[in-house]
C-alpha atoms as a PDB file:
ATOM      1  CA  UNK A   1     136.001 161.670 114.857  1.00  0.00           C
ATOM      2  CA  UNK A   2     139.410 160.499 116.028  1.00  0.00           C
ATOM      3  CA  UNK A   3     140.451 160.464 119.665  1.00  0.00           C
ATOM      4  CA  UNK A   4     140.943 164.139 120.549  1.00  0.00           C
ATOM      5  CA  UNK A   5     143.307 163.162 123.348  1.00  0.00           C
ATOM      6  CA  UNK A   6     145.850 162.045 120.771  1.00  0.00           C
ATOM      7  CA  UNK A   7     146.617 165.517 119.496  1.00  0.00           C
ATOM      8  CA  UNK A   8     147.111 166.997 122.968  1.00  0.00           C
ATOM      9  CA  UNK A   9     149.070 164.100 124.380  1.00  0.00           C
ATOM     10  CA  UNK A  10     151.092 162.940 121.390  1.00  0.00           C
ATOM     11  CA  UNK A  11     151.505 166.187 119.479  1.00  0.00           C
ATOM     12  CA  UNK A  12     149.936 165.136 116.184  1.00  0.00           C
ATOM     13  CA  UNK A  13     146.554 165.538 114.513  1.00  0.00           C
ATOM     14  CA  UNK A  14     144.671 162.269 114.977  1.00  0.00           C
ATOM     15  CA  UNK A  15     141.920 163.282 112.552  1.00  0.00           C
ATOM     16  CA  UNK A  16     144.546 163.856 109.857  1.00  0.00           C
ATOM     17  CA  UNK A  17     146.073 160.469 110.687  1.00  0.00           C
ATOM     18  CA  UNK A  18     142.656 158.888 110.246  1.00  0.00           C
ATOM     19  CA  UNK A  19     142.389 160.438 106.776  1.00  0.00           C
ATOM     20  CA  UNK A  20     145.907 159.270 105.893  1.00  0.00           C
ATOM     21  CA  UNK A  21     145.113 155.688 106.915  1.00  0.00           C
ATOM     22  CA  UNK A  22     142.046 155.765 104.677  1.00  0.00           C
ATOM     23  CA  UNK A  23     143.862 157.320 101.714  1.00  0.00           C
ATOM     24  CA  UNK A  24     147.101 155.316 101.834  1.00  0.00           C
ATOM     25  CA  UNK A  25     146.177 151.982 103.420  1.00  0.00           C
ATOM     26  CA  UNK A  26     142.492 151.740 102.594  1.00  0.00           C
ATOM     27  CA  UNK A  27     141.484 151.713 106.240  1.00  0.00           C
ATOM     28  CA  UNK A  28     137.783 151.873 106.951  1.00  0.00           C
ATOM     29  CA  UNK A  29     136.399 155.159 108.206  1.00  0.00           C
ATOM     30  CA  UNK A  30     135.849 155.317 111.923  1.00  0.00           C
ATOM     31  CA  UNK A  31     137.496 156.232 115.207  1.00  0.00           C
ATOM     32  CA  UNK A  32     141.272 156.000 115.501  1.00  0.00           C
ATOM     33  CA  UNK A  33     142.826 154.809 118.738  1.00  0.00           C
ATOM     34  CA  UNK A  34     146.431 155.627 119.596  1.00  0.00           C
ATOM     35  CA  UNK A  35     148.589 154.138 122.351  1.00  0.00           C
ATOM     36  CA  UNK A  36     152.242 154.969 122.922  1.00  0.00           C
ATOM     37  CA  UNK A  37     154.567 152.041 123.511  1.00  0.00           C
ATOM     38  CA  UNK A  38     156.968 152.209 126.427  1.00  0.00           C
ATOM     39  CA  UNK A  39     160.645 152.352 125.515  1.00  0.00           C
ATOM     40  CA  UNK A  40     161.756 153.883 122.225  1.00  0.00           C
ATOM     41  CA  UNK A  41     163.767 156.618 123.892  1.00  0.00           C
ATOM     42  CA  UNK A  42     164.589 158.404 120.653  1.00  0.00           C
ATOM     43  CA  UNK A  43     161.714 158.097 118.195  1.00  0.00           C
ATOM     44  CA  UNK A  44     158.186 157.786 119.651  1.00  0.00           C
ATOM     45  CA  UNK A  45     156.391 154.566 118.726  1.00  0.00           C
ATOM     46  CA  UNK A  46     152.618 154.108 118.751  1.00  0.00           C
ATOM     47  CA  UNK A  47     150.054 151.385 118.271  1.00  0.00           C
ATOM     48  CA  UNK A  48     147.374 152.729 115.939  1.00  0.00           C
ATOM     49  CA  UNK A  49     143.956 151.058 115.757  1.00  0.00           C
ATOM     50  CA  UNK A  50     141.240 151.786 113.204  1.00  0.00           C
ATOM     51  CA  UNK A  51     138.485 149.789 111.545  1.00  0.00           C
ATOM     52  CA  UNK A  52     139.490 146.575 113.280  1.00  0.00           C
ATOM     53  CA  UNK A  53     143.076 146.828 112.006  1.00  0.00           C
ATOM     54  CA  UNK A  54     146.320 147.614 113.824  1.00  0.00           C
ATOM     55  CA  UNK A  55     149.567 149.251 112.730  1.00  0.00           C
ATOM     56  CA  UNK A  56     152.701 150.581 114.377  1.00  0.00           C
ATOM     57  CA  UNK A  57     153.645 154.197 113.757  1.00  0.00           C
ATOM     58  CA  UNK A  58     157.116 155.682 114.312  1.00  0.00           C
ATOM     59  CA  UNK A  59     157.496 159.445 114.252  1.00  0.00           C
ATOM     60  CA  UNK A  60     159.958 162.163 114.989  1.00  0.00           C
ATOM     61  CA  UNK A  61     159.652 163.569 118.530  1.00  0.00           C
ATOM     62  CA  UNK A  62     158.290 166.983 119.348  1.00  0.00           C
ATOM     63  CA  UNK A  63     160.623 169.846 120.200  1.00  0.00           C
ATOM     64  CA  UNK A  64     163.872 171.107 118.690  1.00  0.00           C
ATOM     65  CA  UNK A  65     165.850 168.422 116.855  1.00  0.00           C
ATOM     66  CA  UNK A  66     169.561 168.257 116.171  1.00  0.00           C
ATOM     67  CA  UNK A  67     170.512 168.312 112.473  1.00  0.00           C
ATOM     68  CA  UNK A  68     170.531 164.783 111.084  1.00  0.00           C
ATOM     69  CA  UNK A  69     168.962 163.287 114.221  1.00  0.00           C
ATOM     70  CA  UNK A  70     165.777 161.199 114.238  1.00  0.00           C
ATOM     71  CA  UNK A  71     166.197 160.282 110.572  1.00  0.00           C
ATOM     72  CA  UNK A  72     163.188 157.990 110.418  1.00  0.00           C
ATOM     73  CA  UNK A  73     163.379 157.880 106.625  1.00  0.00           C
ATOM     74  CA  UNK A  74     166.533 155.788 107.111  1.00  0.00           C
ATOM     75  CA  UNK A  75     164.634 153.319 109.296  1.00  0.00           C
ATOM     76  CA  UNK A  76     161.949 152.947 106.646  1.00  0.00           C
ATOM     77  CA  UNK A  77     164.547 152.491 103.930  1.00  0.00           C
ATOM     78  CA  UNK A  78     166.452 149.728 105.723  1.00  0.00           C
ATOM     79  CA  UNK A  79     163.230 147.966 106.757  1.00  0.00           C
ATOM     80  CA  UNK A  80     162.060 147.908 103.145  1.00  0.00           C
ATOM     81  CA  UNK A  81     165.409 146.569 101.912  1.00  0.00           C
ATOM     82  CA  UNK A  82     165.577 143.856 104.575  1.00  0.00           C
ATOM     83  CA  UNK A  83     161.935 142.827 104.266  1.00  0.00           C
ATOM     84  CA  UNK A  84     162.489 142.205 100.560  1.00  0.00           C
ATOM     85  CA  UNK A  85     165.192 139.639 101.444  1.00  0.00           C
ATOM     86  CA  UNK A  86     163.005 137.749 103.924  1.00  0.00           C
ATOM     87  CA  UNK A  87     165.016 138.986 106.893  1.00  0.00           C
ATOM     88  CA  UNK A  88     162.759 139.023 109.997  1.00  0.00           C
ATOM     89  CA  UNK A  89     161.518 142.613 110.231  1.00  0.00           C
ATOM     90  CA  UNK A  90     158.016 144.120 110.260  1.00  0.00           C
ATOM     91  CA  UNK A  91     156.683 144.948 106.813  1.00  0.00           C
ATOM     92  CA  UNK A  92     157.041 148.697 106.164  1.00  0.00           C
ATOM     93  CA  UNK A  93     153.782 150.038 104.741  1.00  0.00           C
ATOM     94  CA  UNK A  94     153.847 153.790 104.179  1.00  0.00           C
ATOM     95  CA  UNK A  95     156.166 156.723 104.761  1.00  0.00           C
ATOM     96  CA  UNK A  96     154.982 160.337 105.030  1.00  0.00           C
ATOM     97  CA  UNK A  97     157.692 162.972 104.650  1.00  0.00           C
ATOM     98  CA  UNK A  98     155.155 165.813 104.799  1.00  0.00           C
ATOM     99  CA  UNK A  99     155.260 166.993 108.417  1.00  0.00           C
ATOM    100  CA  UNK A 100     152.272 169.194 107.654  1.00  0.00           C
ATOM    101  CA  UNK A 101     150.058 166.171 107.085  1.00  0.00           C
ATOM    102  CA  UNK A 102     149.591 165.262 110.751  1.00  0.00           C
ATOM    103  CA  UNK A 103     152.110 167.596 112.392  1.00  0.00           C
ATOM    104  CA  UNK A 104     155.103 165.220 112.269  1.00  0.00           C
ATOM    105  CA  UNK A 105     157.066 163.134 109.800  1.00  0.00           C
ATOM    106  CA  UNK A 106     156.189 159.451 110.338  1.00  0.00           C
ATOM    107  CA  UNK A 107     155.965 155.980 108.885  1.00  0.00           C
ATOM    108  CA  UNK A 108     153.699 152.987 109.374  1.00  0.00           C
ATOM    109  CA  UNK A 109     154.589 149.306 109.551  1.00  0.00           C
ATOM    110  CA  UNK A 110     152.774 146.113 110.360  1.00  0.00           C
ATOM    111  CA  UNK A 111     152.004 145.305 113.981  1.00  0.00           C
ATOM    112  CA  UNK A 112     153.595 142.033 115.061  1.00  0.00           C
ATOM    113  CA  UNK A 113     152.349 140.802 118.438  1.00  0.00           C
ATOM    114  CA  UNK A 114     154.715 138.601 120.364  1.00  0.00           C
ATOM    115  CA  UNK A 115     157.027 138.360 123.350  1.00  0.00           C
ATOM    116  CA  UNK A 116     159.973 140.639 124.156  1.00  0.00           C
ATOM    117  CA  UNK A 117     162.400 139.464 126.824  1.00  0.00           C
ATOM    118  CA  UNK A 118     163.516 142.187 129.235  1.00  0.00           C
ATOM    119  CA  UNK A 119     165.349 139.772 131.529  1.00  0.00           C
ATOM    120  CA  UNK A 120     168.333 138.376 129.638  1.00  0.00           C
ATOM    121  CA  UNK A 121     168.514 135.493 132.110  1.00  0.00           C
ATOM    122  CA  UNK A 122     165.209 134.189 130.641  1.00  0.00           C
ATOM    123  CA  UNK A 123     163.983 132.828 133.989  1.00  0.00           C
ATOM    124  CA  UNK A 124     160.628 131.637 132.621  1.00  0.00           C
ATOM    125  CA  UNK A 125     162.118 129.621 129.745  1.00  0.00           C
ATOM    126  CA  UNK A 126     163.356 126.038 129.645  1.00  0.00           C
ATOM    127  CA  UNK A 127     167.085 125.345 129.273  1.00  0.00           C
ATOM    128  CA  UNK A 128     166.517 124.258 125.682  1.00  0.00           C
ATOM    129  CA  UNK A 129     164.552 127.393 124.829  1.00  0.00           C
ATOM    130  CA  UNK A 130     167.147 129.643 126.484  1.00  0.00           C
ATOM    131  CA  UNK A 131     169.812 128.183 124.242  1.00  0.00           C
ATOM    132  CA  UNK A 132     167.576 128.435 121.165  1.00  0.00           C
ATOM    133  CA  UNK A 133     166.719 132.086 121.859  1.00  0.00           C
ATOM    134  CA  UNK A 134     170.380 133.058 122.138  1.00  0.00           C
ATOM    135  CA  UNK A 135     171.184 130.978 119.072  1.00  0.00           C
ATOM    136  CA  UNK A 136     168.515 132.893 117.123  1.00  0.00           C
ATOM    137  CA  UNK A 137     170.110 136.125 118.321  1.00  0.00           C
ATOM    138  CA  UNK A 138     173.484 134.891 117.087  1.00  0.00           C
ATOM    139  CA  UNK A 139     172.242 133.508 113.766  1.00  0.00           C
ATOM    140  CA  UNK A 140     170.375 136.653 112.796  1.00  0.00           C
ATOM    141  CA  UNK A 141     173.259 138.938 113.752  1.00  0.00           C
ATOM    142  CA  UNK A 142     175.560 136.821 111.587  1.00  0.00           C
ATOM    143  CA  UNK A 143     173.007 136.813 108.769  1.00  0.00           C
ATOM    144  CA  UNK A 144     172.723 140.600 108.894  1.00  0.00           C
ATOM    145  CA  UNK A 145     176.481 141.091 108.740  1.00  0.00           C
ATOM    146  CA  UNK A 146     176.904 138.777 105.760  1.00  0.00           C
ATOM    147  CA  UNK A 147     174.283 140.534 103.620  1.00  0.00           C
ATOM    148  CA  UNK A 148     175.690 142.583 100.748  1.00  0.00           C
ATOM    149  CA  UNK A 149     174.688 146.246 101.264  1.00  0.00           C
ATOM    150  CA  UNK A 150     175.240 146.986  97.572  1.00  0.00           C
ATOM    151  CA  UNK A 151     172.880 144.197  96.535  1.00  0.00           C
ATOM    152  CA  UNK A 152     170.287 145.569  98.967  1.00  0.00           C
ATOM    153  CA  UNK A 153     170.530 149.042  97.447  1.00  0.00           C
ATOM    154  CA  UNK A 154     172.168 150.291 100.653  1.00  0.00           C
ATOM    155  CA  UNK A 155     175.677 150.894  99.393  1.00  0.00           C
ATOM    156  CA  UNK A 156     175.427 154.576 100.363  1.00  0.00           C
ATOM    157  CA  UNK A 157     173.711 153.929 103.705  1.00  0.00           C
ATOM    158  CA  UNK A 158     176.807 154.818 105.755  1.00  0.00           C
ATOM    159  CA  UNK A 159     179.500 157.450 105.532  1.00  0.00           C
ATOM    160  CA  UNK A 160     182.973 156.476 104.291  1.00  0.00           C
ATOM    161  CA  UNK A 161     185.916 156.317 106.659  1.00  0.00           C
ATOM    162  CA  UNK A 162     186.633 154.647 109.977  1.00  0.00           C
ATOM    163  CA  UNK A 163     183.389 153.762 111.752  1.00  0.00           C
ATOM    164  CA  UNK A 164     184.927 153.893 115.227  1.00  0.00           C
ATOM    165  CA  UNK A 165     186.411 157.348 114.557  1.00  0.00           C
ATOM    166  CA  UNK A 166     183.032 158.656 113.395  1.00  0.00           C
ATOM    167  CA  UNK A 167     181.333 157.240 116.463  1.00  0.00           C
ATOM    168  CA  UNK A 168     183.953 158.710 118.789  1.00  0.00           C
ATOM    169  CA  UNK A 169     183.262 162.170 117.362  1.00  0.00           C
ATOM    170  CA  UNK A 170     179.504 161.640 117.704  1.00  0.00           C
ATOM    171  CA  UNK A 171     179.532 160.613 121.366  1.00  0.00           C
ATOM    172  CA  UNK A 172     182.054 163.281 122.288  1.00  0.00           C
ATOM    173  CA  UNK A 173     179.701 165.824 120.737  1.00  0.00           C
ATOM    174  CA  UNK A 174     176.726 164.377 122.639  1.00  0.00           C
ATOM    175  CA  UNK A 175     178.717 164.745 125.844  1.00  0.00           C
ATOM    176  CA  UNK A 176     179.741 168.327 125.088  1.00  0.00           C
ATOM    177  CA  UNK A 177     176.152 169.376 124.341  1.00  0.00           C
ATOM    178  CA  UNK A 178     174.957 168.686 127.889  1.00  0.00           C
ATOM    179  CA  UNK A 179     176.020 170.304 131.153  1.00  0.00           C
ATOM    180  CA  UNK A 180     177.345 167.351 133.205  1.00  0.00           C
ATOM    181  CA  UNK A 181     181.141 167.094 133.223  1.00  0.00           C
ATOM    182  CA  UNK A 182     182.918 163.836 134.013  1.00  0.00           C
ATOM    183  CA  UNK A 183     186.732 163.632 133.727  1.00  0.00           C
ATOM    184  CA  UNK A 184     186.557 159.829 133.622  1.00  0.00           C
ATOM    185  CA  UNK A 185     184.546 159.971 130.391  1.00  0.00           C
ATOM    186  CA  UNK A 186     186.921 162.492 128.861  1.00  0.00           C
ATOM    187  CA  UNK A 187     189.940 160.329 129.739  1.00  0.00           C
ATOM    188  CA  UNK A 188     188.230 157.271 128.261  1.00  0.00           C
ATOM    189  CA  UNK A 189     187.603 159.152 125.016  1.00  0.00           C
ATOM    190  CA  UNK A 190     191.317 159.937 124.930  1.00  0.00           C
ATOM    191  CA  UNK A 191     192.236 156.263 125.384  1.00  0.00           C
ATOM    192  CA  UNK A 192     189.913 155.256 122.536  1.00  0.00           C
ATOM    193  CA  UNK A 193     191.453 157.879 120.268  1.00  0.00           C
ATOM    194  CA  UNK A 194     194.983 156.710 121.128  1.00  0.00           C
ATOM    195  CA  UNK A 195     194.139 153.024 120.625  1.00  0.00           C
ATOM    196  CA  UNK A 196     191.820 153.331 117.644  1.00  0.00           C
ATOM    197  CA  UNK A 197     191.027 150.121 115.813  1.00  0.00           C
ATOM    198  CA  UNK A 198     192.078 150.249 112.175  1.00  0.00           C
ATOM    199  CA  UNK A 199     188.945 149.560 110.174  1.00  0.00           C
ATOM    200  CA  UNK A 200     189.197 146.644 107.777  1.00  0.00           C
ATOM    201  CA  UNK A 201     185.593 145.424 107.462  1.00  0.00           C
ATOM    202  CA  UNK A 202     182.270 147.012 106.587  1.00  0.00           C
ATOM    203  CA  UNK A 203     178.790 145.552 106.941  1.00  0.00           C
ATOM    204  CA  UNK A 204     175.201 146.549 107.489  1.00  0.00           C
ATOM    205  CA  UNK A 205     174.959 147.012 111.259  1.00  0.00           C
ATOM    206  CA  UNK A 206     171.948 147.404 113.541  1.00  0.00           C
ATOM    207  CA  UNK A 207     173.491 149.393 116.385  1.00  0.00           C
ATOM    208  CA  UNK A 208     171.278 148.012 119.179  1.00  0.00           C
ATOM    209  CA  UNK A 209     171.035 144.295 118.485  1.00  0.00           C
ATOM    210  CA  UNK A 210     169.741 142.947 121.798  1.00  0.00           C
ATOM    211  CA  UNK A 211     166.827 140.859 123.031  1.00  0.00           C
ATOM    212  CA  UNK A 212     165.038 144.085 123.919  1.00  0.00           C
ATOM    213  CA  UNK A 213     164.631 144.680 120.189  1.00  0.00           C
ATOM    214  CA  UNK A 214     163.487 141.170 119.269  1.00  0.00           C
ATOM    215  CA  UNK A 215     159.930 139.844 119.070  1.00  0.00           C
ATOM    216  CA  UNK A 216     159.548 136.105 119.640  1.00  0.00           C
ATOM    217  CA  UNK A 217     156.551 133.898 119.027  1.00  0.00           C
ATOM    218  CA  UNK A 218     154.889 133.390 122.434  1.00  0.00           C
ATOM    219  CA  UNK A 219     155.723 130.035 123.960  1.00  0.00           C
ATOM    220  CA  UNK A 220     158.451 129.232 121.430  1.00  0.00           C
ATOM    221  CA  UNK A 221     162.038 130.362 120.732  1.00  0.00           C
ATOM    222  CA  UNK A 222     161.105 131.405 117.167  1.00  0.00           C
ATOM    223  CA  UNK A 223     162.267 134.923 116.297  1.00  0.00           C
ATOM    224  CA  UNK A 224     159.551 136.864 114.480  1.00  0.00           C
ATOM    225  CA  UNK A 225     161.120 140.287 114.002  1.00  0.00           C
ATOM    226  CA  UNK A 226     164.065 142.539 114.757  1.00  0.00           C
ATOM    227  CA  UNK A 227     162.939 146.045 115.723  1.00  0.00           C
ATOM    228  CA  UNK A 228     164.349 149.541 116.245  1.00  0.00           C
ATOM    229  CA  UNK A 229     166.682 150.246 113.319  1.00  0.00           C
ATOM    230  CA  UNK A 230     167.295 153.915 114.128  1.00  0.00           C
ATOM    231  CA  UNK A 231     171.032 153.358 114.765  1.00  0.00           C
ATOM    232  CA  UNK A 232     171.598 151.171 111.715  1.00  0.00           C
ATOM    233  CA  UNK A 233     174.344 152.109 109.274  1.00  0.00           C
ATOM    234  CA  UNK A 234     177.220 150.692 107.268  1.00  0.00           C
ATOM    235  CA  UNK A 235     179.771 150.108 110.000  1.00  0.00           C
ATOM    236  CA  UNK A 236     182.209 147.628 111.473  1.00  0.00           C
ATOM    237  CA  UNK A 237     180.581 144.276 112.299  1.00  0.00           C
ATOM    238  CA  UNK A 238     182.799 143.926 115.370  1.00  0.00           C
ATOM    239  CA  UNK A 239     181.181 147.027 116.866  1.00  0.00           C
ATOM    240  CA  UNK A 240     177.737 145.461 116.420  1.00  0.00           C
ATOM    241  CA  UNK A 241     178.881 142.124 117.839  1.00  0.00           C
ATOM    242  CA  UNK A 242     180.489 143.816 120.834  1.00  0.00           C
ATOM    243  CA  UNK A 243     177.274 145.698 121.540  1.00  0.00           C
ATOM    244  CA  UNK A 244     175.271 142.468 121.444  1.00  0.00           C
ATOM    245  CA  UNK A 245     177.713 141.031 123.971  1.00  0.00           C
ATOM    246  CA  UNK A 246     176.388 143.507 126.544  1.00  0.00           C
ATOM    247  CA  UNK A 247     173.974 140.710 127.464  1.00  0.00           C
ATOM    248  CA  UNK A 248     176.975 139.270 129.348  1.00  0.00           C
ATOM    249  CA  UNK A 249     179.142 142.253 130.308  1.00  0.00           C
ATOM    250  CA  UNK A 250     176.728 145.122 131.011  1.00  0.00           C
ATOM    251  CA  UNK A 251     176.807 145.974 134.735  1.00  0.00           C
ATOM    252  CA  UNK A 252     173.758 144.839 136.659  1.00  0.00           C
ATOM    253  CA  UNK A 253     172.880 148.505 137.212  1.00  0.00           C
ATOM    254  CA  UNK A 254     171.359 148.259 133.727  1.00  0.00           C
ATOM    255  CA  UNK A 255     168.358 147.169 135.803  1.00  0.00           C
ATOM    256  CA  UNK A 256     167.836 150.893 136.385  1.00  0.00           C
ATOM    257  CA  UNK A 257     166.302 150.883 132.909  1.00  0.00           C
ATOM    258  CA  UNK A 258     164.043 147.945 133.747  1.00  0.00           C
ATOM    259  CA  UNK A 259     165.921 144.972 132.332  1.00  0.00           C
ATOM    260  CA  UNK A 260     168.524 142.547 133.609  1.00  0.00           C
ATOM    261  CA  UNK A 261     171.748 141.163 132.153  1.00  0.00           C
ATOM    262  CA  UNK A 262     173.895 138.073 132.655  1.00  0.00           C
ATOM    263  CA  UNK A 263     176.516 140.015 134.622  1.00  0.00           C
ATOM    264  CA  UNK A 264     177.615 137.805 137.522  1.00  0.00           C
ATOM    265  CA  UNK A 265     175.459 134.896 136.290  1.00  0.00           C
ATOM    266  CA  UNK A 266     176.666 131.385 135.415  1.00  0.00           C
ATOM    267  CA  UNK A 267     175.237 131.418 131.882  1.00  0.00           C
ATOM    268  CA  UNK A 268     176.188 127.819 131.132  1.00  0.00           C
ATOM    269  CA  UNK A 269     174.267 126.604 134.182  1.00  0.00           C
ATOM    270  CA  UNK A 270     171.158 128.203 132.667  1.00  0.00           C
ATOM    271  CA  UNK A 271     171.727 126.620 129.274  1.00  0.00           C
ATOM    272  CA  UNK A 272     172.806 129.963 127.793  1.00  0.00           C
ATOM    273  CA  UNK A 273     176.043 130.127 125.771  1.00  0.00           C
ATOM    274  CA  UNK A 274     178.944 131.897 127.437  1.00  0.00           C
ATOM    275  CA  UNK A 275     180.271 135.097 125.891  1.00  0.00           C
ATOM    276  CA  UNK A 276     183.207 133.171 124.422  1.00  0.00           C
ATOM    277  CA  UNK A 277     180.926 130.487 122.967  1.00  0.00           C
ATOM    278  CA  UNK A 278     178.668 133.137 121.437  1.00  0.00           C
ATOM    279  CA  UNK A 279     181.665 134.821 119.779  1.00  0.00           C
ATOM    280  CA  UNK A 280     183.028 131.506 118.483  1.00  0.00           C
ATOM    281  CA  UNK A 281     179.656 130.566 116.966  1.00  0.00           C
ATOM    282  CA  UNK A 282     179.322 133.992 115.346  1.00  0.00           C
ATOM    283  CA  UNK A 283     182.791 133.660 113.804  1.00  0.00           C
ATOM    284  CA  UNK A 284     181.939 130.199 112.477  1.00  0.00           C
ATOM    285  CA  UNK A 285     178.763 131.530 110.862  1.00  0.00           C
ATOM    286  CA  UNK A 286     180.321 134.622 109.313  1.00  0.00           C
ATOM    287  CA  UNK A 287     183.853 133.468 108.604  1.00  0.00           C
ATOM    288  CA  UNK A 288     185.099 136.656 110.310  1.00  0.00           C
ATOM    289  CA  UNK A 289     188.073 136.473 112.670  1.00  0.00           C
ATOM    290  CA  UNK A 290     188.813 138.991 115.409  1.00  0.00           C
ATOM    291  CA  UNK A 291     191.781 139.138 117.770  1.00  0.00           C
ATOM    292  CA  UNK A 292     191.154 139.201 121.507  1.00  0.00           C
ATOM    293  CA  UNK A 293     192.722 142.672 121.623  1.00  0.00           C
ATOM    294  CA  UNK A 294     190.319 144.012 119.003  1.00  0.00           C
ATOM    295  CA  UNK A 295     187.323 142.414 120.716  1.00  0.00           C
ATOM    296  CA  UNK A 296     188.288 143.951 124.071  1.00  0.00           C
ATOM    297  CA  UNK A 297     188.746 147.336 122.374  1.00  0.00           C
ATOM    298  CA  UNK A 298     185.284 147.052 120.825  1.00  0.00           C
ATOM    299  CA  UNK A 299     183.688 146.102 124.159  1.00  0.00           C
ATOM    300  CA  UNK A 300     185.441 149.037 125.855  1.00  0.00           C
ATOM    301  CA  UNK A 301     184.229 151.267 123.039  1.00  0.00           C
ATOM    302  CA  UNK A 302     180.629 150.093 123.403  1.00  0.00           C
ATOM    303  CA  UNK A 303     180.636 150.785 127.127  1.00  0.00           C
ATOM    304  CA  UNK A 304     181.926 154.262 126.261  1.00  0.00           C
ATOM    305  CA  UNK A 305     179.109 154.516 123.710  1.00  0.00           C
ATOM    306  CA  UNK A 306     176.523 153.514 126.333  1.00  0.00           C
ATOM    307  CA  UNK A 307     177.768 156.318 128.552  1.00  0.00           C
ATOM    308  CA  UNK A 308     177.593 158.680 125.559  1.00  0.00           C
ATOM    309  CA  UNK A 309     174.008 157.622 124.881  1.00  0.00           C
ATOM    310  CA  UNK A 310     173.243 158.370 128.525  1.00  0.00           C
ATOM    311  CA  UNK A 311     174.671 161.873 128.192  1.00  0.00           C
ATOM    312  CA  UNK A 312     172.699 162.345 124.976  1.00  0.00           C
ATOM    313  CA  UNK A 313     169.451 161.357 126.683  1.00  0.00           C
ATOM    314  CA  UNK A 314     170.161 163.766 129.538  1.00  0.00           C
ATOM    315  CA  UNK A 315     170.562 166.544 126.970  1.00  0.00           C
ATOM    316  CA  UNK A 316     167.399 165.584 125.083  1.00  0.00           C
ATOM    317  CA  UNK A 317     165.382 165.452 128.308  1.00  0.00           C
ATOM    318  CA  UNK A 318     166.633 168.951 129.113  1.00  0.00           C
ATOM    319  CA  UNK A 319     165.391 170.322 125.772  1.00  0.00           C
ATOM    320  CA  UNK A 320     162.125 168.382 125.848  1.00  0.00           C
ATOM    321  CA  UNK A 321     162.676 165.618 123.271  1.00  0.00           C
ATOM    322  CA  UNK A 322     163.081 162.763 125.785  1.00  0.00           C
ATOM    323  CA  UNK A 323     161.355 161.801 129.015  1.00  0.00           C
ATOM    324  CA  UNK A 324     162.740 163.086 132.307  1.00  0.00           C
ATOM    325  CA  UNK A 325     162.494 159.665 133.960  1.00  0.00           C
ATOM    326  CA  UNK A 326     164.724 158.282 131.216  1.00  0.00           C
ATOM    327  CA  UNK A 327     167.260 160.985 131.985  1.00  0.00           C
ATOM    328  CA  UNK A 328     167.358 159.959 135.643  1.00  0.00           C
ATOM    329  CA  UNK A 329     167.793 156.287 134.727  1.00  0.00           C
ATOM    330  CA  UNK A 330     170.645 157.125 132.361  1.00  0.00           C
ATOM    331  CA  UNK A 331     172.494 158.976 135.109  1.00  0.00           C
ATOM    332  CA  UNK A 332     172.571 155.681 136.992  1.00  0.00           C
ATOM    333  CA  UNK A 333     174.307 153.759 134.202  1.00  0.00           C
ATOM    334  CA  UNK A 334     176.881 156.293 133.020  1.00  0.00           C
ATOM    335  CA  UNK A 335     179.545 155.683 135.661  1.00  0.00           C
ATOM    336  CA  UNK A 336     179.144 151.860 135.720  1.00  0.00           C
ATOM    337  CA  UNK A 337     179.490 151.892 131.921  1.00  0.00           C
ATOM    338  CA  UNK A 338     182.661 153.978 132.153  1.00  0.00           C
ATOM    339  CA  UNK A 339     184.088 151.643 134.801  1.00  0.00           C
ATOM    340  CA  UNK A 340     183.297 148.606 132.629  1.00  0.00           C
ATOM    341  CA  UNK A 341     184.918 150.333 129.645  1.00  0.00           C
ATOM    342  CA  UNK A 342     188.135 150.818 131.597  1.00  0.00           C
ATOM    343  CA  UNK A 343     188.175 147.130 132.604  1.00  0.00           C
ATOM    344  CA  UNK A 344     188.122 146.086 128.962  1.00  0.00           C
ATOM    345  CA  UNK A 345     190.546 148.846 127.989  1.00  0.00           C
ATOM    346  CA  UNK A 346     193.071 147.353 130.414  1.00  0.00           C
ATOM    347  CA  UNK A 347     192.448 143.901 128.919  1.00  0.00           C
ATOM    348  CA  UNK A 348     193.047 145.328 125.438  1.00  0.00           C
ATOM    349  CA  UNK A 349     196.283 146.930 126.628  1.00  0.00           C
ATOM    350  CA  UNK A 350     197.436 143.611 128.076  1.00  0.00           C
ATOM    351  CA  UNK A 351     196.608 141.548 124.977  1.00  0.00           C
END
């Protein structure tokens, strides 16, 4: 008999999951243990244990879902494509599109134990390892952006048209769906619309490429896996790069979510590349070239996006598909993100 607590707490049938593991993965019969990972604000993530084996399960959340949201089949698809190339991701194992099987749509992937860094200053690492960790971040972002989506079978993975325009519409809609009104956010959306970057590049993008979504081998700077592909799409590589740069520019109030950035820190003194050095290395690896104006626009846009994500989480907490404590944390980062966006908007205007 599976853990009866699982169905009440997690909203799915643990006995049915036990049967699925046996049928699809050949798991031995016996009790199933389920533990929810912290984080994963959008799609719940669980460690599943049975018969001495371990897997990670990602599922859609309980409650009403917006059309097109929580498309976990896309995560499974991109994981499978990337794993086949040797890109560092967990091996996807099984996808169940029958919500009636356990009560939710879900997929299973291999469990990869390791270390995730929530403090971007890396205080417990040596200078050499700090540099190597950030270099791995850079190298794997560049590698992702230089993959050919068509060759991966992902040519239709993103919608046509200007990526930044699509994203602007998305985050405006997220804002309009919740009850908080903030003129500063609305004005920022207007600036982005008036200064829209003309799209001239397309690549496979992650959407949340930060150390929080990287697993490293304990005690070494070796990257084992990139996680959390729910925001991946075919988009502009500059948008992805600019989001990764939040390690340097995100206001320190990001600590409200339990992790710490390089804002106000002398990165070079720690052995960590500066923002400018990180960008230069990325451009050398990819062969891409971005103007300072376009980079500042993209950083402003990503701060706007962070605020939009905050508004979206407030809305989802209100309708029961996100945790209330996450909603409170997001309220604390919305205004600092908007203020940071305006700083980079002014830099873009001056370029």
